[in-house]
Amino acid sequence: MENHYGSDFMTIVDEDGTEFELEVLSTLDYDGSTYLAVIPAGAEEGEDLEVSILKNVEEGGEIPTELDQRLASTVAEFLGRQMES
């Protein structure tokens, strides 16, 4: 039996004020932070997409420009496992 749930969507705004709507595929709480695996909203099934990993930070907080490579690999591995199951 296959379960279908409603998708979670979010909108982010870059430093130029451009809005991007994203579909949240999975989340992971790791080492005191929350990470999200996202793709552009409205992407077609079967389309070649790159999954982006975002770190959830409080609004007004410092936004990291990039994740430490080891941390990024660990988070990507855990999110990949969640999406497979």
Protein backbone atom coordinates (compact mmCIF):
# COMPACT_ATOMS: atom_id res chain seq x y z
CA MET A 1 0.00 0.00 0.00
CA GLU A 2 1.33 3.40 -0.95
CA ASN A 3 0.64 6.46 1.21
CA HIS A 4 0.37 9.90 -0.35
CA TYR A 5 0.59 12.98 1.81
CA GLY A 6 0.33 16.64 0.92
CA SER A 7 3.57 18.30 -0.02
CA ASP A 8 5.20 20.98 2.10
CA PHE A 9 6.13 24.17 0.28
CA MET A 10 8.13 27.19 1.35
CA THR A 11 9.13 30.49 -0.19
CA ILE A 12 12.58 31.94 0.27
CA VAL A 13 13.81 35.38 -0.74
CA ASP A 14 17.38 36.00 -1.89
CA GLU A 15 19.45 39.12 -1.19
CA ASP A 16 18.07 40.76 -4.38
CA GLY A 17 14.48 40.30 -3.24
CA THR A 18 13.73 37.50 -5.73
CA GLU A 19 11.28 34.92 -4.35
CA PHE A 20 11.70 31.19 -4.94
CA GLU A 21 9.03 28.61 -4.14
CA LEU A 22 10.48 25.27 -3.05
CA GLU A 23 9.03 21.86 -2.28
CA VAL A 24 10.40 20.32 0.91
CA LEU A 25 11.20 16.65 0.31
CA SER A 26 12.56 15.80 3.74
CA THR A 27 13.85 17.34 6.96
CA LEU A 28 16.53 16.25 9.38
CA ASP A 29 17.35 17.43 12.89
CA TYR A 30 21.08 16.97 13.35
CA ASP A 31 23.50 18.37 15.92
CA GLY A 32 21.04 21.01 17.15
CA SER A 33 20.07 22.30 13.68
CA THR A 34 17.33 21.49 11.16
CA TYR A 35 18.22 20.77 7.53
CA LEU A 36 15.81 20.57 4.59
CA ALA A 37 16.11 18.74 1.26
CA VAL A 38 14.31 20.89 -1.35
CA ILE A 39 13.61 21.11 -5.08
CA PRO A 40 11.96 23.90 -7.10
CA ALA A 41 8.17 23.80 -6.70
CA GLY A 42 6.24 22.57 -9.71
CA ALA A 43 9.02 20.33 -10.98
CA GLU A 44 7.79 17.55 -13.26
CA GLU A 45 8.23 13.92 -12.24
CA GLY A 46 11.12 12.35 -14.15
CA GLU A 47 12.75 15.75 -14.75
CA ASP A 48 16.47 15.86 -13.93
CA LEU A 49 16.62 17.87 -10.72
CA GLU A 50 19.30 18.78 -8.25
CA VAL A 51 18.24 18.47 -4.63
CA SER A 52 19.45 21.39 -2.53
CA ILE A 53 20.12 21.13 1.19
CA LEU A 54 19.26 24.19 3.26
CA LYS A 55 20.02 24.85 6.89
CA ASN A 56 17.04 26.31 8.71
CA VAL A 57 18.03 29.47 10.57
CA GLU A 58 15.93 31.93 12.50
CA GLU A 59 14.96 35.06 10.62
CA GLY A 60 17.33 37.85 11.48
CA GLY A 61 20.05 35.38 12.40
CA GLU A 62 23.32 34.91 10.59
CA ILE A 63 22.81 32.92 7.41
CA PRO A 64 25.69 30.58 6.58
CA THR A 65 26.99 30.93 3.02
CA GLU A 66 28.05 27.30 2.84
CA LEU A 67 28.09 24.19 4.97
CA ASP A 68 31.29 22.58 6.17
CA GLN A 69 32.03 19.82 3.60
CA ARG A 70 32.01 17.01 6.18
CA LEU A 71 28.73 18.26 7.67
CA ALA A 72 27.19 18.65 4.21
CA SER A 73 28.12 15.05 3.33
CA THR A 74 26.69 13.72 6.59
CA VAL A 75 23.42 15.62 6.23
CA ALA A 76 23.08 14.59 2.56
CA GLU A 77 23.59 10.94 3.51
CA PHE A 78 20.94 11.03 6.25
CA LEU A 79 18.43 12.90 4.06
CA GLY A 80 19.04 10.43 1.22
CA ARG A 81 18.29 7.51 3.53
CA GLN A 82 15.07 9.19 4.72
CA MET A 83 13.88 9.77 1.16
CA GLU A 84 14.58 6.13 0.18
CA SER A 85 12.45 4.68 2.96
